[in-house]
Structure formats: C-alpha cells, structure tokens
Amino acid sequence: MRGIEILLNCATSADGFLGKKGAETKLSNEEDWRQVHLLREAFDVILVGAGTVRIDNPSLCVKKKWIGRTPYRHPHRCVLTISGNIPANAKVFDTRAPTTVFSSFEGKKTLREKGIERRAEIIEVNPENAVEAIVKWMKSKNYKSLFVEGGSRVFTVFLQSNFRLRFRVFRSPMLLGGANNVPLVSDLFAELRRVRTYLLGNGTVDLYEKS
C-alpha cells in the first residue's frame, strides 16, 4: 500500500457494539465529532458501505458546526455496495463534493436503473478484491489518503486485506445491552496492535495498527 494511508474509524458502546441493527445510533460525543470532521478535512477520500448510507444517510462532508470555521475542503466521497442497494436521493449524492460508487456487475446495473450514474461515478469491482480496486483507483487520481467510516462489513473487508492500516475506535460510556445490536469486528483485532489510548470528553479513543 505504498503511498496510500488508510484509517478506519468508528464509535462503539462501552459493551462493544456499533449500534442497533437497522437504526441510527448516536455514540460519539462532541469532542469525537470534532476530531472526525477534522479528519474528514485532512483526508483525500472518505468511504462507507451501503448500510451506512441507508441507515445514517450521511453527507460525508466537513461541517462548519463541528470544526468552528469554514472547511478548507471536502473529501472525495465513496460508497462500496455489492448489491447496489442504496437510495438515489441519499445525501452522499449532493453537489458539495464528487462521489464514486464501487459495485459488482449486477450492482452496477441496479445503480444505473436508479439513475445514480447521473449523480456519481460508478466503478465495477470484483467483490473479492474490492480494496485493491479502490486503492488502484485512488492512485489513478493521485489521492494519498483514505478515511473509512464504516460499517462493520466494510471494516471486515479492509481488515481481511493485505494492506497496512490504522483503526481509530472511540469508545462511548453508553451501554446498549440486549439483542439486535451490531458488534464491532472484534475477532479480527487479534491482528492489530494498540499503539495509543487517550481520553476524549466522557469517552476514550484507542488507536490500532495493522502491518
């Protein structure tokens, strides 16, 4: 992955969940949101999966509300969706920044049927080497850094790849408990090395590395 910096980022509950299945779950505090938006501004590309688009409907842009000033820039927004199951009116397709969607052969057809090709670049990828395809595309655009905001399936794809990366995990003091929650991909953390932990408001941040 020479020349490409990859940082995964998420917020989890104190008991290790990313949120409720199928529902938006707010776990970040104000201090975390500020850091996340500063990271968005610093990175060339931001990427999420289809589930994040469907549930959270993020714009993936940098918001003045969180950084206290007008952003210098917004990252190039990317979505990874094998099936093409994302709404055409999602905020990620607004005009504030360019958007690219990576999908399978069948998913690409679905995206075109929805008219998404008129609002975003669509690139066909083999699901088995999606990360390699994304990195190749980045290099073709002379992009140097990739910020991955979720969700769990996308994290798994990156953690199972052969690329070096870092993983930033904000841990909220909130407990979700019960069933119907989305767990963090903790079984893949065996390959990661924790390099830093620090307090952030009422939560903590753990920074891991995968070599």
N, C-alpha and C. Protein backbone atom coordinates (compact mmCIF):
# COMPACT_ATOMS: atom_id res chain seq x y z
N MET A 1 0.81 -1.20 0.00
CA MET A 1 0.00 0.00 0.00
C MET A 1 0.85 1.26 0.00
N ARG A 2 2.06 1.16 -0.50
CA ARG A 2 2.98 2.29 -0.51
C ARG A 2 2.30 3.51 -1.10
N GLY A 3 2.43 4.64 -0.39
CA GLY A 3 1.87 5.87 -0.89
C GLY A 3 0.43 6.11 -0.50
N ILE A 4 -0.26 5.12 0.06
CA ILE A 4 -1.66 5.27 0.45
C ILE A 4 -1.80 5.08 1.96
N GLU A 5 -2.35 6.08 2.63
CA GLU A 5 -2.64 5.99 4.07
C GLU A 5 -4.09 5.58 4.24
N ILE A 6 -4.36 4.55 5.05
CA ILE A 6 -5.72 4.07 5.29
C ILE A 6 -6.01 4.15 6.79
N LEU A 7 -7.07 4.86 7.13
CA LEU A 7 -7.50 4.96 8.53
C LEU A 7 -8.97 4.56 8.62
N LEU A 8 -9.25 3.51 9.40
CA LEU A 8 -10.62 3.11 9.71
C LEU A 8 -11.05 3.86 10.95
N ASN A 9 -12.33 4.19 11.02
CA ASN A 9 -12.82 4.95 12.17
C ASN A 9 -14.23 4.50 12.55
N CYS A 10 -14.47 4.36 13.85
CA CYS A 10 -15.81 4.04 14.31
C CYS A 10 -16.00 4.49 15.75
N ALA A 11 -17.26 4.50 16.17
CA ALA A 11 -17.61 4.73 17.58
C ALA A 11 -18.35 3.50 18.07
N THR A 12 -18.03 3.04 19.27
CA THR A 12 -18.69 1.88 19.83
C THR A 12 -19.26 2.20 21.22
N SER A 13 -20.20 1.39 21.64
CA SER A 13 -20.71 1.49 23.01
C SER A 13 -19.69 0.89 23.96
N ALA A 14 -19.89 1.10 25.24
CA ALA A 14 -18.97 0.55 26.24
C ALA A 14 -18.96 -0.96 26.22
N ASP A 15 -20.07 -1.57 25.76
CA ASP A 15 -20.10 -3.03 25.68
C ASP A 15 -19.80 -3.54 24.28
N GLY A 16 -19.19 -2.71 23.43
CA GLY A 16 -18.59 -3.18 22.19
C GLY A 16 -19.49 -3.25 20.98
N PHE A 17 -20.57 -2.46 20.94
CA PHE A 17 -21.46 -2.50 19.78
C PHE A 17 -21.37 -1.21 18.97
N LEU A 18 -21.54 -1.36 17.65
CA LEU A 18 -21.53 -0.21 16.76
C LEU A 18 -22.88 0.50 16.73
N GLY A 19 -23.92 -0.18 17.15
CA GLY A 19 -25.25 0.41 17.18
C GLY A 19 -26.34 -0.63 17.11
N LYS A 20 -27.57 -0.18 17.02
CA LYS A 20 -28.72 -1.05 16.87
C LYS A 20 -28.85 -1.45 15.40
N LYS A 21 -29.21 -2.70 15.13
CA LYS A 21 -29.38 -3.15 13.77
C LYS A 21 -30.50 -2.38 13.08
N GLY A 22 -30.17 -1.81 11.92
CA GLY A 22 -31.17 -1.12 11.12
C GLY A 22 -31.61 0.23 11.64
N ALA A 23 -30.93 0.77 12.65
CA ALA A 23 -31.34 2.05 13.22
C ALA A 23 -30.11 2.92 13.49
N GLU A 24 -30.24 4.22 13.25
CA GLU A 24 -29.15 5.14 13.56
C GLU A 24 -28.94 5.21 15.06
N THR A 25 -27.69 5.05 15.49
CA THR A 25 -27.36 5.08 16.92
C THR A 25 -26.26 6.10 17.14
N LYS A 26 -26.52 7.09 17.96
CA LYS A 26 -25.55 8.15 18.20
C LYS A 26 -24.70 7.80 19.42
N LEU A 27 -23.41 7.52 19.16
CA LEU A 27 -22.49 7.13 20.23
C LEU A 27 -21.38 8.16 20.45
N SER A 28 -21.06 8.95 19.44
CA SER A 28 -19.98 9.93 19.56
C SER A 28 -20.41 11.11 20.41
N ASN A 29 -19.46 11.66 21.17
CA ASN A 29 -19.70 12.91 21.87
C ASN A 29 -19.21 14.08 21.00
N GLU A 30 -19.35 15.30 21.48
CA GLU A 30 -18.99 16.46 20.68
C GLU A 30 -17.50 16.49 20.35
N GLU A 31 -16.68 16.08 21.30
CA GLU A 31 -15.23 16.07 21.07
C GLU A 31 -14.85 15.09 19.97
N ASP A 32 -15.53 13.94 19.95
CA ASP A 32 -15.24 12.96 18.90
C ASP A 32 -15.70 13.47 17.54
N TRP A 33 -16.89 14.06 17.49
CA TRP A 33 -17.37 14.59 16.21
C TRP A 33 -16.42 15.64 15.66
N ARG A 34 -15.88 16.48 16.54
CA ARG A 34 -14.93 17.49 16.07
C ARG A 34 -13.69 16.82 15.46
N GLN A 35 -13.14 15.82 16.14
CA GLN A 35 -11.97 15.12 15.59
C GLN A 35 -12.30 14.43 14.27
N VAL A 36 -13.47 13.81 14.20
CA VAL A 36 -13.86 13.09 12.97
C VAL A 36 -13.96 14.06 11.80
N HIS A 37 -14.55 15.23 12.02
CA HIS A 37 -14.69 16.18 10.91
C HIS A 37 -13.35 16.80 10.52
N LEU A 38 -12.45 16.97 11.47
CA LEU A 38 -11.10 17.42 11.12
C LEU A 38 -10.37 16.36 10.31
N LEU A 39 -10.61 15.09 10.63
CA LEU A 39 -10.03 14.00 9.85
C LEU A 39 -10.61 13.97 8.44
N ARG A 40 -11.92 14.16 8.33
CA ARG A 40 -12.53 14.21 7.00
C ARG A 40 -11.86 15.28 6.14
N GLU A 41 -11.61 16.43 6.75
CA GLU A 41 -10.99 17.52 6.02
C GLU A 41 -9.55 17.19 5.61
N ALA A 42 -8.86 16.42 6.44
CA ALA A 42 -7.45 16.13 6.20
C ALA A 42 -7.24 15.04 5.16
N PHE A 43 -8.22 14.14 4.99
CA PHE A 43 -8.06 13.00 4.09
C PHE A 43 -8.59 13.31 2.70
N ASP A 44 -7.97 12.70 1.70
CA ASP A 44 -8.38 12.92 0.30
C ASP A 44 -9.71 12.25 -0.01
N VAL A 45 -9.91 11.05 0.54
CA VAL A 45 -11.07 10.23 0.20
C VAL A 45 -11.73 9.71 1.47
N ILE A 46 -13.07 9.68 1.49
CA ILE A 46 -13.81 9.08 2.58
C ILE A 46 -14.71 7.99 2.00
N LEU A 47 -14.82 6.85 2.69
CA LEU A 47 -15.57 5.72 2.17
C LEU A 47 -16.46 5.11 3.24
N VAL A 48 -17.68 4.74 2.84
CA VAL A 48 -18.59 3.99 3.70
C VAL A 48 -19.24 2.88 2.88
N GLY A 49 -19.93 1.99 3.58
CA GLY A 49 -20.68 0.94 2.92
C GLY A 49 -22.13 1.34 2.71
N ALA A 50 -22.86 0.48 1.99
CA ALA A 50 -24.26 0.78 1.66
C ALA A 50 -25.13 0.86 2.91
N GLY A 51 -24.85 0.03 3.90
CA GLY A 51 -25.65 0.04 5.13
C GLY A 51 -25.59 1.39 5.83
N THR A 52 -24.42 1.98 5.86
CA THR A 52 -24.26 3.30 6.48
C THR A 52 -25.07 4.35 5.72
N VAL A 53 -25.07 4.26 4.40
CA VAL A 53 -25.85 5.21 3.59
C VAL A 53 -27.34 5.04 3.85
N ARG A 54 -27.80 3.78 3.90
CA ARG A 54 -29.24 3.54 4.09
C ARG A 54 -29.72 3.95 5.47
N ILE A 55 -28.91 3.67 6.50
CA ILE A 55 -29.36 3.89 7.88
C ILE A 55 -29.07 5.30 8.37
N ASP A 56 -27.83 5.77 8.18
CA ASP A 56 -27.44 7.08 8.72
C ASP A 56 -27.62 8.23 7.73
N ASN A 57 -27.60 7.91 6.44
CA ASN A 57 -27.72 8.91 5.37
C ASN A 57 -26.77 10.09 5.59
N PRO A 58 -25.47 9.83 5.73
CA PRO A 58 -24.51 10.93 5.96
C PRO A 58 -24.17 11.65 4.66
N SER A 59 -23.82 12.92 4.77
CA SER A 59 -23.33 13.65 3.59
C SER A 59 -21.86 13.34 3.34
N LEU A 60 -21.15 12.95 4.40
CA LEU A 60 -19.71 12.67 4.37
C LEU A 60 -18.88 13.92 4.07
N CYS A 61 -19.49 15.09 4.22
CA CYS A 61 -18.77 16.34 4.05
C CYS A 61 -18.29 16.85 5.42
N VAL A 62 -17.50 17.89 5.40
CA VAL A 62 -16.99 18.51 6.62
C VAL A 62 -17.96 19.62 7.02
N LYS A 63 -18.40 19.61 8.27
CA LYS A 63 -19.39 20.58 8.71
C LYS A 63 -18.77 21.68 9.57
N LYS A 64 -19.07 22.92 9.22
CA LYS A 64 -18.60 24.08 9.98
C LYS A 64 -19.02 23.98 11.44
N LYS A 65 -20.19 23.40 11.68
CA LYS A 65 -20.72 23.25 13.05
C LYS A 65 -19.72 22.57 13.96
N TRP A 66 -18.97 21.60 13.44
CA TRP A 66 -18.10 20.80 14.28
C TRP A 66 -16.67 21.32 14.34
N ILE A 67 -16.21 22.02 13.31
CA ILE A 67 -14.82 22.48 13.34
C ILE A 67 -14.71 23.97 13.65
N GLY A 68 -15.85 24.66 13.71
CA GLY A 68 -15.85 26.06 14.13
C GLY A 68 -15.38 27.05 13.09
N ARG A 69 -15.29 26.64 11.85
CA ARG A 69 -14.87 27.54 10.77
C ARG A 69 -15.33 26.93 9.44
N THR A 70 -15.17 27.70 8.39
CA THR A 70 -15.50 27.18 7.06
C THR A 70 -14.45 26.13 6.66
N PRO A 71 -14.88 24.95 6.21
CA PRO A 71 -13.91 23.90 5.83
C PRO A 71 -13.02 24.34 4.67
N TYR A 72 -11.78 23.90 4.71
CA TYR A 72 -10.87 24.17 3.60
C TYR A 72 -11.28 23.35 2.38
N ARG A 73 -11.80 22.14 2.63
CA ARG A 73 -12.20 21.26 1.54
C ARG A 73 -13.06 20.13 2.08
N HIS A 74 -13.74 19.42 1.18
CA HIS A 74 -14.45 18.20 1.49
C HIS A 74 -13.72 17.04 0.80
N PRO A 75 -13.71 15.85 1.41
CA PRO A 75 -13.06 14.71 0.75
C PRO A 75 -13.89 14.19 -0.42
N HIS A 76 -13.26 13.49 -1.32
CA HIS A 76 -13.97 12.78 -2.40
C HIS A 76 -14.72 11.62 -1.74
N ARG A 77 -16.02 11.56 -1.92
CA ARG A 77 -16.86 10.59 -1.21
C ARG A 77 -16.99 9.30 -2.03
N CYS A 78 -16.89 8.16 -1.32
CA CYS A 78 -17.01 6.86 -1.97
C CYS A 78 -17.95 5.96 -1.19
N VAL A 79 -18.66 5.11 -1.92
CA VAL A 79 -19.54 4.11 -1.33
C VAL A 79 -19.20 2.76 -1.92
N LEU A 80 -19.09 1.75 -1.06
CA LEU A 80 -18.88 0.38 -1.51
C LEU A 80 -20.18 -0.38 -1.32
N THR A 81 -20.79 -0.83 -2.40
CA THR A 81 -22.04 -1.57 -2.33
C THR A 81 -22.03 -2.68 -3.37
N ILE A 82 -22.03 -3.92 -2.94
CA ILE A 82 -22.00 -5.03 -3.87
C ILE A 82 -23.34 -5.16 -4.59
N SER A 83 -24.44 -4.95 -3.87
CA SER A 83 -25.77 -5.15 -4.43
C SER A 83 -26.31 -3.93 -5.17
N GLY A 84 -25.79 -2.75 -4.87
CA GLY A 84 -26.34 -1.53 -5.44
C GLY A 84 -27.55 -1.01 -4.69
N ASN A 85 -27.79 -1.56 -3.49
CA ASN A 85 -28.97 -1.21 -2.71
C ASN A 85 -28.73 0.06 -1.89
N ILE A 86 -28.73 1.19 -2.57
CA ILE A 86 -28.64 2.50 -1.91
C ILE A 86 -29.64 3.43 -2.57
N PRO A 87 -30.24 4.34 -1.81
CA PRO A 87 -31.26 5.23 -2.38
C PRO A 87 -30.63 6.32 -3.25
N ALA A 88 -31.31 6.64 -4.34
CA ALA A 88 -30.79 7.64 -5.28
C ALA A 88 -30.82 9.04 -4.69
N ASN A 89 -31.65 9.27 -3.67
CA ASN A 89 -31.74 10.60 -3.07
C ASN A 89 -30.90 10.75 -1.81
N ALA A 90 -29.93 9.85 -1.60
CA ALA A 90 -29.07 9.92 -0.42
C ALA A 90 -28.24 11.21 -0.44
N LYS A 91 -27.93 11.72 0.74
CA LYS A 91 -27.17 12.97 0.86
C LYS A 91 -25.77 12.86 0.23
N VAL A 92 -25.25 11.66 0.16
CA VAL A 92 -23.91 11.49 -0.39
C VAL A 92 -23.85 11.83 -1.88
N PHE A 93 -25.02 12.00 -2.50
CA PHE A 93 -25.07 12.36 -3.92
C PHE A 93 -25.38 13.84 -4.13
N ASP A 94 -25.25 14.67 -3.08
CA ASP A 94 -25.47 16.09 -3.29
C ASP A 94 -24.29 16.69 -4.06
N THR A 95 -24.32 17.98 -4.30
CA THR A 95 -23.33 18.60 -5.19
C THR A 95 -22.12 19.19 -4.47
N ARG A 96 -22.02 18.97 -3.16
CA ARG A 96 -20.93 19.62 -2.42
C ARG A 96 -19.56 19.01 -2.70
N ALA A 97 -19.53 17.75 -3.10
CA ALA A 97 -18.25 17.08 -3.37
C ALA A 97 -18.52 15.94 -4.34
N PRO A 98 -17.51 15.52 -5.10
CA PRO A 98 -17.70 14.39 -6.01
C PRO A 98 -17.91 13.08 -5.27
N THR A 99 -18.63 12.16 -5.90
CA THR A 99 -18.91 10.86 -5.30
C THR A 99 -18.64 9.75 -6.30
N THR A 100 -18.03 8.67 -5.83
CA THR A 100 -17.79 7.48 -6.63
C THR A 100 -18.37 6.28 -5.92
N VAL A 101 -19.05 5.41 -6.66
CA VAL A 101 -19.64 4.21 -6.10
C VAL A 101 -18.94 2.99 -6.70
N PHE A 102 -18.45 2.10 -5.84
CA PHE A 102 -17.83 0.86 -6.26
C PHE A 102 -18.84 -0.26 -6.06
N SER A 103 -19.09 -1.04 -7.11
CA SER A 103 -20.11 -2.08 -7.02
C SER A 103 -19.77 -3.24 -7.95
N SER A 104 -20.52 -4.33 -7.80
CA SER A 104 -20.34 -5.51 -8.65
C SER A 104 -21.01 -5.29 -10.00
N PHE A 105 -20.88 -6.26 -10.88
CA PHE A 105 -21.51 -6.17 -12.21
C PHE A 105 -23.02 -6.00 -12.07
N GLU A 106 -23.65 -6.83 -11.24
CA GLU A 106 -25.10 -6.75 -11.04
C GLU A 106 -25.47 -5.47 -10.30
N GLY A 107 -24.67 -5.10 -9.30
CA GLY A 107 -24.94 -3.89 -8.56
C GLY A 107 -24.86 -2.65 -9.43
N LYS A 108 -23.93 -2.66 -10.36
CA LYS A 108 -23.78 -1.53 -11.28
C LYS A 108 -25.05 -1.35 -12.12
N LYS A 109 -25.64 -2.46 -12.56
CA LYS A 109 -26.88 -2.38 -13.33
C LYS A 109 -28.00 -1.78 -12.48
N THR A 110 -28.07 -2.21 -11.20
CA THR A 110 -29.09 -1.67 -10.31
C THR A 110 -28.92 -0.18 -10.10
N LEU A 111 -27.69 0.26 -9.92
CA LEU A 111 -27.40 1.68 -9.72
C LEU A 111 -27.80 2.50 -10.94
N ARG A 112 -27.52 1.96 -12.13
CA ARG A 112 -27.88 2.67 -13.36
C ARG A 112 -29.39 2.77 -13.51
N GLU A 113 -30.10 1.70 -13.14
CA GLU A 113 -31.56 1.72 -13.22
C GLU A 113 -32.15 2.79 -12.32
N LYS A 114 -31.47 3.11 -11.22
CA LYS A 114 -31.93 4.15 -10.30
C LYS A 114 -31.52 5.55 -10.75
N GLY A 115 -30.74 5.65 -11.81
CA GLY A 115 -30.29 6.94 -12.29
C GLY A 115 -29.12 7.51 -11.53
N ILE A 116 -28.46 6.69 -10.71
CA ILE A 116 -27.35 7.19 -9.90
C ILE A 116 -26.15 7.57 -10.76
N GLU A 117 -26.04 6.98 -11.92
CA GLU A 117 -24.92 7.30 -12.81
C GLU A 117 -24.92 8.78 -13.22
N ARG A 118 -26.07 9.42 -13.14
CA ARG A 118 -26.14 10.85 -13.47
C ARG A 118 -25.62 11.72 -12.34
N ARG A 119 -25.46 11.13 -11.15
CA ARG A 119 -25.06 11.90 -9.97
C ARG A 119 -23.71 11.48 -9.41
N ALA A 120 -23.21 10.33 -9.85
CA ALA A 120 -21.95 9.82 -9.31
C ALA A 120 -21.25 8.93 -10.32
N GLU A 121 -19.96 8.84 -10.20
CA GLU A 121 -19.17 7.89 -10.99
C GLU A 121 -19.40 6.49 -10.43
N ILE A 122 -19.62 5.51 -11.30
CA ILE A 122 -19.83 4.13 -10.87
C ILE A 122 -18.70 3.27 -11.45
N ILE A 123 -18.02 2.54 -10.57
CA ILE A 123 -16.91 1.69 -10.99
C ILE A 123 -17.20 0.25 -10.60
N GLU A 124 -17.12 -0.64 -11.58
CA GLU A 124 -17.36 -2.07 -11.31
C GLU A 124 -16.12 -2.70 -10.69
N VAL A 125 -16.31 -3.47 -9.62
CA VAL A 125 -15.20 -4.15 -8.95
C VAL A 125 -15.58 -5.60 -8.69
N ASN A 126 -14.57 -6.43 -8.58
CA ASN A 126 -14.76 -7.80 -8.12
C ASN A 126 -14.83 -7.77 -6.60
N PRO A 127 -15.91 -8.26 -6.00
CA PRO A 127 -16.03 -8.21 -4.54
C PRO A 127 -14.85 -8.84 -3.80
N GLU A 128 -14.17 -9.79 -4.43
CA GLU A 128 -13.05 -10.47 -3.77
C GLU A 128 -11.80 -9.62 -3.68
N ASN A 129 -11.69 -8.60 -4.50
CA ASN A 129 -10.52 -7.72 -4.41
C ASN A 129 -10.93 -6.25 -4.48
N ALA A 130 -12.01 -5.93 -3.76
CA ALA A 130 -12.54 -4.56 -3.79
C ALA A 130 -11.54 -3.55 -3.25
N VAL A 131 -10.84 -3.90 -2.18
CA VAL A 131 -9.89 -2.95 -1.59
C VAL A 131 -8.78 -2.64 -2.57
N GLU A 132 -8.27 -3.66 -3.24
CA GLU A 132 -7.22 -3.45 -4.23
C GLU A 132 -7.71 -2.51 -5.35
N ALA A 133 -8.96 -2.70 -5.77
CA ALA A 133 -9.52 -1.86 -6.83
C ALA A 133 -9.67 -0.42 -6.37
N ILE A 134 -10.07 -0.23 -5.13
CA ILE A 134 -10.23 1.12 -4.59
C ILE A 134 -8.87 1.82 -4.51
N VAL A 135 -7.86 1.10 -4.02
CA VAL A 135 -6.52 1.68 -3.93
C VAL A 135 -5.97 2.01 -5.32
N LYS A 136 -6.22 1.13 -6.29
CA LYS A 136 -5.77 1.38 -7.67
C LYS A 136 -6.43 2.64 -8.22
N TRP A 137 -7.73 2.79 -7.97
CA TRP A 137 -8.46 3.98 -8.42
C TRP A 137 -7.88 5.22 -7.75
N MET A 138 -7.59 5.14 -6.45
CA MET A 138 -7.02 6.28 -5.74
C MET A 138 -5.70 6.71 -6.37
N LYS A 139 -4.86 5.75 -6.67
CA LYS A 139 -3.57 6.08 -7.27
C LYS A 139 -3.74 6.74 -8.63
N SER A 140 -4.76 6.31 -9.39
CA SER A 140 -5.01 6.91 -10.70
C SER A 140 -5.44 8.37 -10.56
N LYS A 141 -6.01 8.72 -9.41
CA LYS A 141 -6.44 10.09 -9.14
C LYS A 141 -5.40 10.88 -8.36
N ASN A 142 -4.28 10.24 -8.04
CA ASN A 142 -3.21 10.85 -7.25
C ASN A 142 -3.68 11.17 -5.83
N TYR A 143 -4.63 10.39 -5.31
CA TYR A 143 -5.06 10.53 -3.93
C TYR A 143 -4.11 9.72 -3.03
N LYS A 144 -3.83 10.26 -1.84
CA LYS A 144 -2.84 9.65 -0.96
C LYS A 144 -3.42 9.08 0.32
N SER A 145 -4.66 9.44 0.69
CA SER A 145 -5.17 9.03 2.00
C SER A 145 -6.65 8.68 1.93
N LEU A 146 -7.03 7.64 2.69
CA LEU A 146 -8.39 7.10 2.68
C LEU A 146 -8.90 6.98 4.10
N PHE A 147 -10.06 7.59 4.37
CA PHE A 147 -10.71 7.57 5.67
C PHE A 147 -11.97 6.71 5.55
N VAL A 148 -12.02 5.60 6.28
CA VAL A 148 -13.12 4.64 6.17
C VAL A 148 -13.99 4.76 7.41
N GLU A 149 -15.25 5.17 7.23
CA GLU A 149 -16.14 5.40 8.37
C GLU A 149 -17.15 4.29 8.62
N GLY A 150 -17.08 3.20 7.91
CA GLY A 150 -17.99 2.09 8.24
C GLY A 150 -18.80 1.63 7.05
N GLY A 151 -19.61 0.61 7.34
CA GLY A 151 -19.90 -0.03 8.61
C GLY A 151 -19.12 -1.30 8.83
N SER A 152 -19.72 -2.24 9.57
CA SER A 152 -18.99 -3.42 10.03
C SER A 152 -18.51 -4.29 8.87
N ARG A 153 -19.32 -4.43 7.83
CA ARG A 153 -18.89 -5.26 6.69
C ARG A 153 -17.71 -4.65 5.96
N VAL A 154 -17.73 -3.33 5.83
CA VAL A 154 -16.61 -2.66 5.17
C VAL A 154 -15.35 -2.77 6.02
N PHE A 155 -15.48 -2.61 7.33
CA PHE A 155 -14.33 -2.80 8.21
C PHE A 155 -13.74 -4.19 8.03
N THR A 156 -14.60 -5.19 7.97
CA THR A 156 -14.14 -6.57 7.81
C THR A 156 -13.36 -6.74 6.51
N VAL A 157 -13.88 -6.17 5.42
CA VAL A 157 -13.21 -6.26 4.12
C VAL A 157 -11.81 -5.67 4.20
N PHE A 158 -11.67 -4.53 4.86
CA PHE A 158 -10.36 -3.89 4.95
C PHE A 158 -9.43 -4.65 5.90
N LEU A 159 -9.95 -5.11 7.01
CA LEU A 159 -9.11 -5.83 7.97
C LEU A 159 -8.64 -7.16 7.43
N GLN A 160 -9.40 -7.75 6.52
CA GLN A 160 -9.00 -9.02 5.91
C GLN A 160 -8.08 -8.83 4.71
N SER A 161 -7.88 -7.60 4.30
CA SER A 161 -7.00 -7.32 3.16
C SER A 161 -5.54 -7.40 3.60
N ASN A 162 -4.66 -7.29 2.63
CA ASN A 162 -3.22 -7.35 2.91
C ASN A 162 -2.59 -5.97 3.09
N PHE A 163 -3.43 -4.95 3.19
CA PHE A 163 -2.92 -3.60 3.28
C PHE A 163 -2.64 -3.18 4.72
N ARG A 164 -1.63 -2.40 4.90
CA ARG A 164 -1.36 -1.81 6.20
C ARG A 164 -2.39 -0.72 6.45
N LEU A 165 -2.80 -0.59 7.70
CA LEU A 165 -3.80 0.43 8.03
C LEU A 165 -3.79 0.73 9.51
N ARG A 166 -4.52 1.78 9.89
CA ARG A 166 -4.76 2.11 11.29
C ARG A 166 -6.26 2.08 11.54
N PHE A 167 -6.63 1.87 12.79
CA PHE A 167 -8.04 1.79 13.16
C PHE A 167 -8.24 2.65 14.40
N ARG A 168 -9.06 3.69 14.27
CA ARG A 168 -9.38 4.59 15.38
C ARG A 168 -10.75 4.21 15.93
N VAL A 169 -10.81 3.87 17.22
CA VAL A 169 -12.06 3.43 17.84
C VAL A 169 -12.39 4.34 19.02
N PHE A 170 -13.47 5.12 18.88
CA PHE A 170 -13.96 5.90 20.00
C PHE A 170 -14.90 5.03 20.82
N ARG A 171 -14.65 4.94 22.12
CA ARG A 171 -15.47 4.10 23.00
C ARG A 171 -16.32 5.00 23.91
N SER A 172 -17.62 4.95 23.67
CA SER A 172 -18.58 5.74 24.44
C SER A 172 -18.83 5.07 25.80
N PRO A 173 -19.19 5.84 26.81
CA PRO A 173 -19.56 5.24 28.09
C PRO A 173 -20.97 4.61 28.05
N MET A 174 -21.69 4.81 26.95
CA MET A 174 -23.05 4.31 26.84
C MET A 174 -23.08 2.78 26.71
N LEU A 175 -24.00 2.15 27.39
CA LEU A 175 -24.23 0.71 27.27
C LEU A 175 -25.48 0.49 26.42
N LEU A 176 -25.36 -0.36 25.39
CA LEU A 176 -26.53 -0.68 24.57
C LEU A 176 -27.27 -1.90 25.10
N GLY A 177 -26.50 -2.95 25.44
CA GLY A 177 -27.10 -4.15 26.03
C GLY A 177 -28.13 -4.81 25.14
N GLY A 178 -28.60 -5.96 25.54
CA GLY A 178 -29.68 -6.65 24.84
C GLY A 178 -29.28 -7.20 23.49
N ALA A 179 -30.30 -7.65 22.78
CA ALA A 179 -30.08 -8.25 21.47
C ALA A 179 -30.25 -7.20 20.37
N ASN A 180 -30.14 -7.65 19.13
CA ASN A 180 -30.38 -6.79 17.96
C ASN A 180 -29.37 -5.65 17.85
N ASN A 181 -28.14 -5.90 18.28
CA ASN A 181 -27.08 -4.91 18.14
C ASN A 181 -26.04 -5.38 17.14
N VAL A 182 -25.29 -4.43 16.59
CA VAL A 182 -24.23 -4.75 15.63
C VAL A 182 -22.89 -4.74 16.36
N PRO A 183 -22.21 -5.89 16.47
CA PRO A 183 -20.93 -5.92 17.20
C PRO A 183 -19.78 -5.39 16.35
N LEU A 184 -18.79 -4.84 17.02
CA LEU A 184 -17.55 -4.50 16.33
C LEU A 184 -16.86 -5.80 15.94
N VAL A 185 -16.10 -5.77 14.85
CA VAL A 185 -15.46 -6.98 14.34
C VAL A 185 -14.29 -7.38 15.23
N SER A 186 -14.57 -7.70 16.47
CA SER A 186 -13.53 -7.91 17.48
C SER A 186 -12.65 -9.11 17.20
N ASP A 187 -13.17 -10.12 16.47
CA ASP A 187 -12.36 -11.31 16.19
C ASP A 187 -11.18 -10.99 15.29
N LEU A 188 -11.26 -9.89 14.55
CA LEU A 188 -10.17 -9.51 13.67
C LEU A 188 -9.14 -8.62 14.36
N PHE A 189 -9.41 -8.24 15.60
CA PHE A 189 -8.48 -7.37 16.32
C PHE A 189 -7.21 -8.12 16.76
N ALA A 190 -7.21 -9.45 16.63
CA ALA A 190 -6.03 -10.22 17.01
C ALA A 190 -4.82 -9.84 16.15
N GLU A 191 -5.09 -9.35 14.94
CA GLU A 191 -4.00 -8.96 14.04
C GLU A 191 -3.59 -7.50 14.23
N LEU A 192 -4.25 -6.80 15.13
CA LEU A 192 -3.97 -5.39 15.34
C LEU A 192 -3.13 -5.16 16.59
N ARG A 193 -2.37 -4.09 16.56
CA ARG A 193 -1.55 -3.71 17.72
C ARG A 193 -2.03 -2.34 18.21
N ARG A 194 -2.40 -2.27 19.48
CA ARG A 194 -2.83 -0.99 20.02
C ARG A 194 -1.61 -0.13 20.28
N VAL A 195 -1.61 1.07 19.73
CA VAL A 195 -0.44 1.94 19.83
C VAL A 195 -0.69 3.17 20.70
N ARG A 196 -1.97 3.47 20.96
CA ARG A 196 -2.25 4.65 21.77
C ARG A 196 -3.67 4.60 22.32
N THR A 197 -3.84 5.10 23.54
CA THR A 197 -5.16 5.28 24.13
C THR A 197 -5.19 6.64 24.81
N TYR A 198 -6.27 7.39 24.59
CA TYR A 198 -6.37 8.70 25.24
C TYR A 198 -7.83 9.02 25.55
N LEU A 199 -8.01 9.86 26.57
CA LEU A 199 -9.34 10.31 26.96
C LEU A 199 -9.85 11.35 25.98
N LEU A 200 -11.16 11.32 25.70
CA LEU A 200 -11.77 12.30 24.82
C LEU A 200 -13.17 12.61 25.37
N GLY A 201 -13.27 13.71 26.12
CA GLY A 201 -14.53 14.01 26.78
C GLY A 201 -14.88 12.92 27.77
N ASN A 202 -16.09 12.41 27.67
CA ASN A 202 -16.52 11.33 28.57
C ASN A 202 -16.24 9.95 28.00
N GLY A 203 -15.45 9.87 26.93
CA GLY A 203 -15.11 8.58 26.34
C GLY A 203 -13.61 8.43 26.18
N THR A 204 -13.20 7.39 25.49
CA THR A 204 -11.78 7.14 25.22
C THR A 204 -11.60 6.78 23.75
N VAL A 205 -10.40 6.98 23.27
CA VAL A 205 -10.05 6.60 21.90
C VAL A 205 -8.89 5.62 21.94
N ASP A 206 -9.05 4.49 21.25
CA ASP A 206 -7.96 3.53 21.07
C ASP A 206 -7.53 3.60 19.61
N LEU A 207 -6.23 3.67 19.38
CA LEU A 207 -5.67 3.69 18.04
C LEU A 207 -4.88 2.41 17.83
N TYR A 208 -5.23 1.64 16.79
CA TYR A 208 -4.60 0.37 16.49
C TYR A 208 -3.86 0.47 15.15
N GLU A 209 -2.91 -0.45 14.95
CA GLU A 209 -2.21 -0.55 13.68
C GLU A 209 -2.24 -1.98 13.17
N LYS A 210 -2.36 -2.13 11.87
CA LYS A 210 -2.26 -3.44 11.22
C LYS A 210 -1.14 -3.34 10.19
N SER A 211 -0.12 -4.17 10.36
CA SER A 211 1.04 -4.09 9.47
C SER A 211 1.00 -5.18 8.41
